[in-house]
Amino acid sequence: MSAQTQSTRKWWALALIAAAQFMVIMDTSIIGIALPMMQTDLGFSQENLTWVFNAYVIAFGGLLLLGGRLSDLWGARRIFATGWLVLLAGSITAGAAGNVGTELAGRAVQGAGAALIAPSALTLLMMLFGSTQQELTKALAVHGAAAPAGGTAGVFLGGVITEYLSWPWVFYINIPIAVIALAATPLLMPNAPARSGSIDILGALTVTAGLALAVYSIVRAPEVGWDAGQTWGYLTVSAVLLAAFVLIQSRRREPLMRPGIFTAPNLAAANVAQLLLGAAWIPMWFFLNLYLQQVLGYSAFPAGAALLPMTTLIMLGMIVIAPRAMGRFGAKPMIVTGLIVLAAGLGWMALIRPTGNFWVDVLPASLVAAAGMSLAFIPSLGTAISAARPEEGGLASGIVNVSYQVGSALGLAAMTAVAVAFGANQVGDLPELTHGFSAAFIGAAVIALAGAGITAAIMRTAKTQSDTAPEPALEQH
């Protein structure tokens, strides 16, 4: 194979990796516009509607470590293809669902497939581009832009599909894409031999159950009461399960997540930044979508189109601006600045009015928030996946995805509780709805500011660009 052909195939492989990241994140957001119709057809309550999102995110976040471990042991290409098969099965189930239980089961299966795809895709990216710093930075920018672009574009596509077809098609759209990905994977992706090692199924089940209970208790708290025995009972069991997971990892010869991995410089700090970035960004997307539909009265298609400017700015920021700025300023200043700008956008968004309009209440604030996201995401992602040892590339990829998805789930659960406490469950009462959504935006802004402060306090300042992506580690991928 000529060098030119090999290079061309490598960039086509990156396109498939970016498409995979776009898809797994799009599946968290494409349901946003369809939620009111799903609520009517399947019988969801206003408080429990977030479970259409959370069932996916909890399975995704809870199983990502397992996906990363399987990728390291069984080969990234094999796990990548398997993930697409599982996502395909979950999409068919969710689209054909006729009741709440089946819908949530389908969403959880989709999340399990995404948990296999996401870490294996990052491992494949490192295998393809890790030997050249310049190519790696460009590849990470493309991959990073695919995540928030997928999240926001999912809202637009969900609007088109819901408006002109019906809500099941927000799931059926995955079918042809999965088939194409399965056909292209053996042609484009590098193969790595399987390695011997054990798989910590108990650890995977423990961490997933602990996360699910934490989210469930926070979502239910406004309904049953924060001081209710049920709320604190679930939170206690969740804490016990997560503590058990940590104990299991410390005692296993081949743990799902080696506890010592967080001693790598800046890995813990970058993952905290990703966690709080997800905890601030996803509630903004969720409640901004509800504000457009339930307060401003947008139908599905206009509501999706209203978020396209954010998508465009994010893609430009991540592909054009962020890589250049990282080379000049380093990761830490970029992350801190990005989170502060995101907080400013969220604070501006909190000024929404019951009688507002898109041009004043939505567009300016959403663009500021998108600028902050595009500045912080790439540096924190690149730092997190390059800080680990080469043989733990899949694990590092899994951990950073876990951080973002867990932050998304817990952030949305907490901000849902805040919104409901301030009136967001009063459907039809526009002042009360707006007050609740505004409170959620303020809460998300506080989370983003906390992320900026923590990153400033605990992340080491880069001396050179290479500390974001250490050359010796990357060469071995």
Protein backbone atom coordinates (compact mmCIF):
# COMPACT_ATOMS: atom_id res chain seq x y z
CA MET A 1 0.00 0.00 0.00
CA SER A 2 1.45 3.38 -1.02
CA ALA A 3 2.07 6.06 1.59
CA GLN A 4 -0.54 8.30 -0.03
CA THR A 5 -3.18 5.56 0.01
CA GLN A 6 -2.37 4.75 3.63
CA SER A 7 -2.64 8.43 4.59
CA THR A 8 -5.97 8.76 2.77
CA ARG A 9 -7.34 5.68 4.52
CA LYS A 10 -6.19 7.06 7.88
CA TRP A 11 -8.19 10.28 7.40
CA TRP A 12 -11.23 8.32 6.26
CA ALA A 13 -10.86 6.31 9.46
CA LEU A 14 -10.85 9.58 11.41
CA ALA A 15 -14.08 10.54 9.64
CA LEU A 16 -15.65 7.28 10.86
CA ILE A 17 -14.31 7.82 14.41
CA ALA A 18 -15.71 11.37 14.44
CA ALA A 19 -19.02 10.07 13.07
CA ALA A 20 -19.11 7.53 15.91
CA GLN A 21 -18.55 10.25 18.51
CA PHE A 22 -21.14 12.42 16.77
CA MET A 23 -23.66 9.56 16.90
CA VAL A 24 -23.21 8.49 20.52
CA ILE A 25 -23.58 12.09 21.70
CA MET A 26 -26.36 12.84 19.22
CA ASP A 27 -28.33 9.98 20.76
CA THR A 28 -28.34 11.88 24.04
CA SER A 29 -29.90 14.94 22.41
CA ILE A 30 -31.93 13.88 19.39
CA ILE A 31 -34.78 12.90 21.68
CA GLY A 32 -35.05 16.45 23.09
CA ILE A 33 -37.53 17.85 20.58
CA ALA A 34 -39.49 14.57 20.57
CA LEU A 35 -39.97 14.51 24.36
CA PRO A 36 -43.41 16.20 24.44
CA MET A 37 -44.81 13.73 21.88
CA MET A 38 -43.19 10.77 23.63
CA GLN A 39 -44.65 12.01 26.91
CA THR A 40 -48.14 11.98 25.41
CA ASP A 41 -47.83 8.67 23.54
CA LEU A 42 -46.03 6.64 26.22
CA GLY A 43 -47.39 8.21 29.41
CA PHE A 44 -44.32 9.82 31.01
CA SER A 45 -44.87 12.33 33.82
CA GLN A 46 -43.14 15.73 33.61
CA GLU A 47 -40.69 14.78 36.39
CA ASN A 48 -39.85 11.36 34.93
CA LEU A 49 -39.41 12.58 31.37
CA THR A 50 -35.70 13.10 32.03
CA TRP A 51 -35.32 9.31 32.22
CA VAL A 52 -35.51 9.11 28.44
CA PHE A 53 -32.19 10.95 28.60
CA ASN A 54 -30.85 9.44 31.82
CA ALA A 55 -31.49 5.78 30.93
CA TYR A 56 -29.08 6.24 28.02
CA VAL A 57 -26.53 8.33 29.90
CA ILE A 58 -26.38 6.09 32.98
CA ALA A 59 -25.81 2.95 30.92
CA PHE A 60 -23.31 4.87 28.80
CA GLY A 61 -21.41 6.36 31.74
CA GLY A 62 -21.65 3.29 33.97
CA LEU A 63 -20.31 0.86 31.37
CA LEU A 64 -17.64 3.05 29.78
CA LEU A 65 -14.89 1.71 32.03
CA LEU A 66 -15.84 -1.81 31.01
CA GLY A 67 -15.83 -0.70 27.37
CA GLY A 68 -12.34 0.75 27.77
CA ARG A 69 -11.07 -2.40 29.45
CA LEU A 70 -12.57 -4.63 26.76
CA SER A 71 -10.99 -2.40 24.12
CA ASP A 72 -7.54 -2.85 25.70
CA LEU A 73 -7.93 -6.63 26.05
CA TRP A 74 -9.92 -7.77 23.02
CA GLY A 75 -8.84 -5.15 20.51
CA ALA A 76 -10.31 -1.73 19.81
CA ARG A 77 -11.58 -2.59 16.31
CA ARG A 78 -13.55 -5.61 17.54
CA ILE A 79 -15.16 -3.68 20.41
CA PHE A 80 -15.91 -0.74 18.09
CA ALA A 81 -17.84 -3.04 15.74
CA THR A 82 -19.60 -4.81 18.62
CA GLY A 83 -20.73 -1.46 19.99
CA TRP A 84 -22.41 -0.59 16.71
CA LEU A 85 -24.32 -3.90 16.77
CA VAL A 86 -25.56 -3.23 20.31
CA LEU A 87 -26.51 0.36 19.44
CA LEU A 88 -28.42 -0.93 16.44
CA ALA A 89 -30.43 -3.36 18.60
CA GLY A 90 -31.21 -0.66 21.17
CA SER A 91 -32.32 1.80 18.48
CA ILE A 92 -34.79 -0.70 17.03
CA THR A 93 -36.18 -1.44 20.51
CA ALA A 94 -36.54 2.23 21.48
CA GLY A 95 -38.22 3.13 18.19
CA ALA A 96 -40.73 0.29 18.41
CA ALA A 97 -41.55 0.87 22.11
CA GLY A 98 -45.20 1.14 23.05
CA ASN A 99 -44.78 1.83 26.77
CA VAL A 100 -42.45 3.51 29.24
CA GLY A 101 -40.63 0.34 30.32
CA THR A 102 -39.73 -0.79 26.80
CA GLU A 103 -38.64 2.70 25.84
CA LEU A 104 -36.28 2.99 28.79
CA ALA A 105 -34.91 -0.52 28.15
CA GLY A 106 -34.17 0.40 24.54
CA ARG A 107 -32.45 3.60 25.64
CA ALA A 108 -30.32 1.66 28.14
CA VAL A 109 -29.24 -0.80 25.42
CA GLN A 110 -28.35 2.15 23.19
CA GLY A 111 -26.22 3.50 26.04
CA ALA A 112 -24.47 0.16 26.45
CA GLY A 113 -23.57 0.18 22.75
CA ALA A 114 -22.27 3.73 23.04
CA ALA A 115 -20.14 2.63 26.03
CA LEU A 116 -18.35 0.19 23.74
CA ILE A 117 -18.02 2.60 20.81
CA ALA A 118 -16.69 5.72 22.57
CA PRO A 119 -13.53 4.42 24.32
CA SER A 120 -12.59 2.09 21.46
CA ALA A 121 -12.95 5.00 19.01
CA LEU A 122 -10.53 7.12 21.03
CA THR A 123 -8.10 4.20 21.26
CA LEU A 124 -8.25 3.78 17.48
CA LEU A 125 -7.61 7.50 17.07
CA MET A 126 -4.50 7.25 19.23
CA MET A 127 -3.31 4.22 17.27
CA LEU A 128 -3.71 6.09 13.99
CA PHE A 129 -2.39 9.54 14.91
CA GLY A 130 -0.45 9.19 18.18
CA SER A 131 3.00 9.15 16.61
CA THR A 132 2.77 12.71 15.24
CA GLN A 133 1.96 15.59 17.56
CA GLN A 134 0.63 17.88 14.84
CA GLU A 135 -1.65 15.21 13.37
CA LEU A 136 -2.82 14.17 16.83
CA THR A 137 -3.85 17.72 17.74
CA LYS A 138 -5.80 18.03 14.49
CA ALA A 139 -7.43 14.61 14.96
CA LEU A 140 -8.42 15.44 18.55
CA ALA A 141 -9.92 18.72 17.37
CA VAL A 142 -12.07 16.93 14.80
CA HIS A 143 -13.07 14.27 17.34
CA GLY A 144 -13.74 16.86 20.04
CA ALA A 145 -15.88 19.02 17.77
CA ALA A 146 -18.00 15.98 16.89
CA ALA A 147 -19.26 15.66 20.49
CA PRO A 148 -20.96 19.01 21.16
CA ALA A 149 -21.79 19.32 17.47
CA GLY A 150 -23.56 15.96 17.71
CA GLY A 151 -25.38 17.12 20.82
CA THR A 152 -26.66 20.32 19.26
CA ALA A 153 -27.21 18.94 15.75
CA GLY A 154 -29.22 16.14 17.35
CA VAL A 155 -31.70 18.75 18.52
CA PHE A 156 -32.05 20.08 14.96
CA LEU A 157 -32.39 16.62 13.40
CA GLY A 158 -34.85 15.64 16.12
CA GLY A 159 -36.90 18.69 15.19
CA VAL A 160 -36.93 17.83 11.49
CA ILE A 161 -37.80 14.18 12.13
CA THR A 162 -40.46 14.90 14.74
CA GLU A 163 -42.05 17.62 12.62
CA TYR A 164 -42.23 15.70 9.35
CA LEU A 165 -42.17 12.00 10.35
CA SER A 166 -42.79 10.82 13.94
CA TRP A 167 -40.78 10.42 17.13
CA PRO A 168 -39.78 6.71 16.58
CA TRP A 169 -37.67 7.87 13.64
CA VAL A 170 -35.28 9.69 15.96
CA PHE A 171 -34.15 6.16 16.83
CA TYR A 172 -34.57 4.51 13.44
CA ILE A 173 -32.16 7.02 11.89
CA ASN A 174 -29.37 5.08 13.58
CA ILE A 175 -30.05 1.95 11.56
CA PRO A 176 -28.51 2.91 8.19
CA ILE A 177 -25.62 4.71 9.89
CA ALA A 178 -24.81 1.63 11.99
CA VAL A 179 -24.91 -0.61 8.92
CA ILE A 180 -22.47 1.69 7.06
CA ALA A 181 -20.16 1.83 10.10
CA LEU A 182 -20.13 -1.96 10.42
CA ALA A 183 -19.24 -2.33 6.73
CA ALA A 184 -16.49 0.31 6.87
CA THR A 185 -14.81 -0.73 10.14
CA PRO A 186 -12.81 -3.75 8.85
CA LEU A 187 -11.71 -1.73 5.80
CA LEU A 188 -10.50 1.40 7.62
CA MET A 189 -9.59 0.59 11.20
CA PRO A 190 -6.24 -0.80 12.39
CA ASN A 191 -6.31 -4.13 14.11
CA ALA A 192 -4.61 -4.85 17.42
CA PRO A 193 -4.03 -8.36 18.77
CA ALA A 194 -6.01 -9.45 21.80
CA ARG A 195 -4.21 -9.53 25.14
CA SER A 196 -4.76 -11.84 28.06
CA GLY A 197 -6.40 -10.49 31.18
CA SER A 198 -9.49 -10.68 33.36
CA ILE A 199 -12.67 -8.61 33.09
CA ASP A 200 -14.18 -7.09 36.22
CA ILE A 201 -17.90 -7.65 35.63
CA LEU A 202 -18.71 -7.13 39.34
CA GLY A 203 -17.00 -3.74 39.28
CA ALA A 204 -18.93 -2.70 36.17
CA LEU A 205 -22.27 -3.70 37.70
CA THR A 206 -21.46 -2.02 41.02
CA VAL A 207 -20.48 1.35 39.54
CA THR A 208 -23.45 1.36 37.13
CA ALA A 209 -25.94 0.55 39.90
CA GLY A 210 -24.41 3.18 42.18
CA LEU A 211 -24.64 5.88 39.53
CA ALA A 212 -28.21 4.90 38.59
CA LEU A 213 -29.38 5.12 42.21
CA ALA A 214 -27.69 8.49 42.69
CA VAL A 215 -29.42 9.97 39.66
CA TYR A 216 -32.76 8.34 40.53
CA SER A 217 -32.74 9.71 44.07
CA ILE A 218 -31.92 13.25 42.89
CA VAL A 219 -34.61 13.18 40.20
CA ARG A 220 -37.23 11.87 42.64
CA ALA A 221 -36.28 14.21 45.51
CA PRO A 222 -38.51 17.15 44.47
CA GLU A 223 -41.50 14.82 44.32
CA VAL A 224 -40.99 12.85 47.55
CA GLY A 225 -39.04 15.52 49.48
CA TRP A 226 -35.34 16.10 50.09
CA ASP A 227 -35.76 15.16 53.73
CA ALA A 228 -37.69 11.97 52.97
CA GLY A 229 -36.32 8.64 54.12
CA GLN A 230 -36.60 7.28 50.59
CA THR A 231 -34.34 10.01 49.20
CA TRP A 232 -31.61 9.52 51.75
CA GLY A 233 -32.02 5.76 51.69
CA TYR A 234 -31.31 5.63 47.96
CA LEU A 235 -28.42 8.09 48.32
CA THR A 236 -26.93 5.97 51.10
CA VAL A 237 -27.18 2.78 49.05
CA SER A 238 -25.65 4.61 46.10
CA ALA A 239 -22.72 5.78 48.25
CA VAL A 240 -22.21 2.23 49.57
CA LEU A 241 -22.18 0.80 46.04
CA LEU A 242 -19.69 3.39 44.80
CA ALA A 243 -17.50 2.81 47.86
CA ALA A 244 -17.70 -0.93 47.18
CA PHE A 245 -16.57 -0.27 43.61
CA VAL A 246 -13.50 1.61 44.88
CA LEU A 247 -12.77 -1.25 47.33
CA ILE A 248 -13.14 -3.88 44.60
CA GLN A 249 -10.75 -1.97 42.35
CA SER A 250 -8.14 -1.69 45.09
CA ARG A 251 -8.16 -5.44 45.74
CA ARG A 252 -8.31 -6.94 42.28
CA ARG A 253 -5.13 -7.92 40.48
CA GLU A 254 -6.55 -6.61 37.19
CA PRO A 255 -9.13 -3.98 38.16
CA LEU A 256 -11.55 -2.32 35.82
CA MET A 257 -9.97 0.99 36.85
CA ARG A 258 -6.50 0.90 38.38
CA PRO A 259 -6.74 3.35 41.33
CA GLY A 260 -3.16 4.48 40.77
CA ILE A 261 -3.97 5.78 37.32
CA PHE A 262 -5.03 9.08 38.84
CA THR A 263 -1.48 9.72 40.04
CA ALA A 264 -0.59 10.56 36.43
CA PRO A 265 0.01 14.32 36.22
CA ASN A 266 -3.14 16.30 35.45
CA LEU A 267 -5.29 13.25 34.67
CA ALA A 268 -7.52 13.75 37.71
CA ALA A 269 -7.74 17.52 37.12
CA ALA A 270 -8.69 17.07 33.46
CA ASN A 271 -11.38 14.55 34.36
CA VAL A 272 -12.84 16.86 37.00
CA ALA A 273 -12.98 19.59 34.34
CA GLN A 274 -14.79 17.24 31.94
CA LEU A 275 -17.24 16.15 34.65
CA LEU A 276 -18.19 19.72 35.57
CA LEU A 277 -18.26 20.77 31.92
CA GLY A 278 -20.87 18.08 31.23
CA ALA A 279 -22.75 18.99 34.40
CA ALA A 280 -23.08 22.59 33.20
CA TRP A 281 -23.57 22.09 29.46
CA ILE A 282 -26.20 19.34 29.31
CA PRO A 283 -28.72 21.04 31.66
CA MET A 284 -28.35 24.18 29.54
CA TRP A 285 -29.19 22.24 26.37
CA PHE A 286 -32.11 20.40 28.03
CA PHE A 287 -33.85 23.42 29.56
CA LEU A 288 -33.12 25.75 26.65
CA ASN A 289 -34.92 23.24 24.42
CA LEU A 290 -37.91 23.17 26.81
CA TYR A 291 -37.94 26.98 26.99
CA LEU A 292 -38.12 27.22 23.20
CA GLN A 293 -41.04 24.79 23.01
CA GLN A 294 -43.01 25.25 26.21
CA VAL A 295 -42.58 29.02 26.73
CA LEU A 296 -41.82 30.57 23.34
CA GLY A 297 -44.19 28.13 21.64
CA TYR A 298 -41.83 26.85 18.96
CA SER A 299 -42.83 23.69 17.14
CA ALA A 300 -40.33 20.88 16.61
CA PHE A 301 -38.52 22.10 13.49
CA PRO A 302 -38.02 25.78 14.50
CA ALA A 303 -36.88 24.69 17.97
CA GLY A 304 -34.18 22.50 16.45
CA ALA A 305 -33.15 25.16 13.94
CA ALA A 306 -32.83 27.73 16.72
CA LEU A 307 -29.83 25.87 18.11
CA LEU A 308 -27.92 25.61 14.81
CA PRO A 309 -25.88 28.81 15.46
CA MET A 310 -24.46 27.12 18.56
CA THR A 311 -23.45 24.08 16.52
CA THR A 312 -21.69 26.20 13.92
CA LEU A 313 -19.77 28.21 16.50
CA ILE A 314 -18.73 25.10 18.43
CA MET A 315 -17.37 23.38 15.32
CA LEU A 316 -15.45 26.48 14.24
CA GLY A 317 -14.13 27.02 17.75
CA MET A 318 -12.97 23.45 18.24
CA ILE A 319 -11.48 22.83 14.81
CA VAL A 320 -10.01 26.26 14.01
CA ILE A 321 -9.47 28.21 17.23
CA ALA A 322 -8.89 25.71 20.07
CA PRO A 323 -5.90 23.83 18.58
CA ARG A 324 -4.05 27.07 17.81
CA ALA A 325 -4.83 28.57 21.19
CA MET A 326 -3.68 25.40 22.96
CA GLY A 327 -0.30 25.62 21.25
CA ARG A 328 0.10 29.20 22.39
CA PHE A 329 -1.44 29.26 25.87
CA GLY A 330 -1.47 25.64 27.07
CA ALA A 331 -4.30 23.51 28.45
CA LYS A 332 -4.89 25.04 31.89
CA PRO A 333 -5.57 28.66 30.81
CA MET A 334 -7.82 27.40 28.04
CA ILE A 335 -9.93 25.22 30.36
CA VAL A 336 -10.27 27.89 33.04
CA THR A 337 -11.15 30.59 30.51
CA GLY A 338 -13.61 28.33 28.70
CA LEU A 339 -15.48 27.44 31.88
CA ILE A 340 -15.68 31.10 32.92
CA VAL A 341 -17.05 32.09 29.50
CA LEU A 342 -19.56 29.21 29.69
CA ALA A 343 -20.67 30.44 33.12
CA ALA A 344 -21.11 33.95 31.71
CA GLY A 345 -23.30 32.60 28.90
CA LEU A 346 -25.41 30.64 31.35
CA GLY A 347 -25.79 33.64 33.62
CA TRP A 348 -26.96 35.69 30.64
CA MET A 349 -29.37 32.93 29.68
CA ALA A 350 -30.90 33.05 33.16
CA LEU A 351 -32.42 36.43 32.16
CA ILE A 352 -34.99 34.69 29.91
CA ARG A 353 -38.53 36.14 30.02
CA PRO A 354 -42.00 34.55 29.71
CA THR A 355 -42.67 37.00 26.85
CA GLY A 356 -39.17 36.73 25.41
CA ASN A 357 -37.97 36.01 21.89
CA PHE A 358 -35.15 34.13 20.20
CA TRP A 359 -33.06 37.14 19.16
CA VAL A 360 -32.86 38.68 22.63
CA ASP A 361 -33.31 35.81 25.09
CA VAL A 362 -31.66 32.86 23.33
CA LEU A 363 -29.19 33.68 20.55
CA PRO A 364 -26.62 35.97 22.27
CA ALA A 365 -26.38 33.94 25.48
CA SER A 366 -26.25 30.60 23.65
CA LEU A 367 -23.36 31.83 21.47
CA VAL A 368 -21.37 32.94 24.51
CA ALA A 369 -21.98 29.57 26.18
CA ALA A 370 -20.95 27.75 22.98
CA ALA A 371 -17.72 29.77 22.83
CA GLY A 372 -16.90 28.69 26.38
CA MET A 373 -17.61 25.05 25.59
CA SER A 374 -15.39 25.10 22.52
CA LEU A 375 -12.48 26.60 24.48
CA ALA A 376 -12.61 24.16 27.42
CA PHE A 377 -13.53 20.85 25.81
CA ILE A 378 -10.51 20.08 23.59
CA PRO A 379 -7.80 20.93 26.18
CA SER A 380 -9.45 18.91 28.95
CA LEU A 381 -10.11 15.94 26.64
CA GLY A 382 -6.57 15.94 25.22
CA THR A 383 -4.99 16.20 28.65
CA ALA A 384 -7.11 13.38 30.05
CA ILE A 385 -6.45 10.80 27.33
CA SER A 386 -2.74 11.52 26.94
CA ALA A 387 -1.80 11.46 30.62
CA ALA A 388 -2.16 7.71 31.14
CA ARG A 389 0.31 4.94 30.28
CA PRO A 390 0.20 3.78 26.64
CA GLU A 391 -1.15 0.33 27.48
CA GLU A 392 -4.04 1.97 29.34
CA GLY A 393 -5.22 4.11 26.43
CA GLY A 394 -8.64 2.44 26.35
CA LEU A 395 -9.02 2.86 30.10
CA ALA A 396 -8.08 6.55 29.94
CA SER A 397 -10.53 7.04 27.09
CA GLY A 398 -13.21 5.29 29.12
CA ILE A 399 -12.52 7.36 32.23
CA VAL A 400 -12.76 10.72 30.47
CA ASN A 401 -16.00 9.67 28.77
CA VAL A 402 -17.31 8.47 32.14
CA SER A 403 -16.46 11.83 33.66
CA TYR A 404 -18.37 13.76 31.03
CA GLN A 405 -21.39 11.43 30.96
CA VAL A 406 -21.64 11.10 34.74
CA GLY A 407 -21.37 14.86 35.03
CA SER A 408 -24.12 15.16 32.41
CA ALA A 409 -26.45 12.77 34.24
CA LEU A 410 -25.88 14.15 37.73
CA GLY A 411 -25.90 17.75 36.52
CA LEU A 412 -29.19 17.27 34.69
CA ALA A 413 -30.70 15.44 37.67
CA ALA A 414 -29.65 18.18 40.08
CA MET A 415 -30.74 21.03 37.82
CA THR A 416 -34.06 19.25 37.17
CA ALA A 417 -34.60 19.21 40.92
CA VAL A 418 -33.75 22.91 41.08
CA ALA A 419 -36.02 23.76 38.14
CA VAL A 420 -38.95 21.82 39.58
CA ALA A 421 -38.47 23.45 42.99
CA PHE A 422 -38.78 26.87 41.31
CA GLY A 423 -41.86 26.04 39.24
CA ALA A 424 -40.73 24.17 36.11
CA ASN A 425 -43.35 21.47 36.68
CA GLN A 426 -46.19 23.98 36.19
CA VAL A 427 -46.77 23.23 32.50
CA GLY A 428 -48.88 25.97 30.92
CA ASP A 429 -47.94 28.60 33.53
CA LEU A 430 -45.36 30.56 31.52
CA PRO A 431 -44.00 32.75 34.37
CA GLU A 432 -43.52 29.72 36.62
CA LEU A 433 -41.93 27.64 33.85
CA THR A 434 -39.57 30.48 32.98
CA HIS A 435 -38.65 30.97 36.64
CA GLY A 436 -37.79 27.28 36.96
CA PHE A 437 -35.71 27.20 33.79
CA SER A 438 -33.90 30.38 34.85
CA ALA A 439 -33.02 28.78 38.19
CA ALA A 440 -31.57 25.79 36.35
CA PHE A 441 -29.39 28.08 34.21
CA ILE A 442 -28.10 29.85 37.32
CA GLY A 443 -27.29 26.49 38.92
CA ALA A 444 -25.43 25.37 35.79
CA ALA A 445 -23.46 28.64 35.81
CA VAL A 446 -22.38 27.97 39.40
CA ILE A 447 -21.19 24.49 38.34
CA ALA A 448 -19.13 25.97 35.48
CA LEU A 449 -17.57 28.54 37.82
CA ALA A 450 -16.74 25.79 40.30
CA GLY A 451 -15.06 23.88 37.48
CA ALA A 452 -12.95 26.92 36.59
CA GLY A 453 -11.91 27.41 40.22
CA ILE A 454 -11.02 23.76 40.80
CA THR A 455 -9.05 23.54 37.55
CA ALA A 456 -7.13 26.69 38.42
CA ALA A 457 -6.30 25.26 41.84
CA ILE A 458 -5.27 21.67 41.02
CA MET A 459 -4.06 21.53 37.41
CA ARG A 460 -0.37 21.98 36.77
CA THR A 461 0.60 24.69 34.31
CA ALA A 462 2.09 23.38 31.09
CA LYS A 463 5.67 24.33 30.35
CA THR A 464 5.26 23.37 26.72
CA GLN A 465 2.53 22.16 24.43
CA SER A 466 3.78 18.61 24.81
CA ASP A 467 2.50 18.26 28.33
CA THR A 468 -1.00 18.11 26.92
CA ALA A 469 0.04 15.14 24.83
CA PRO A 470 3.32 13.61 26.04
CA GLU A 471 5.35 12.51 23.05
CA PRO A 472 6.88 9.31 24.51
CA ALA A 473 3.49 7.94 25.55
CA LEU A 474 1.86 8.73 22.24
CA GLU A 475 4.55 7.07 20.17
CA GLN A 476 3.77 3.71 21.71
CA HIS A 477 0.05 3.72 20.82
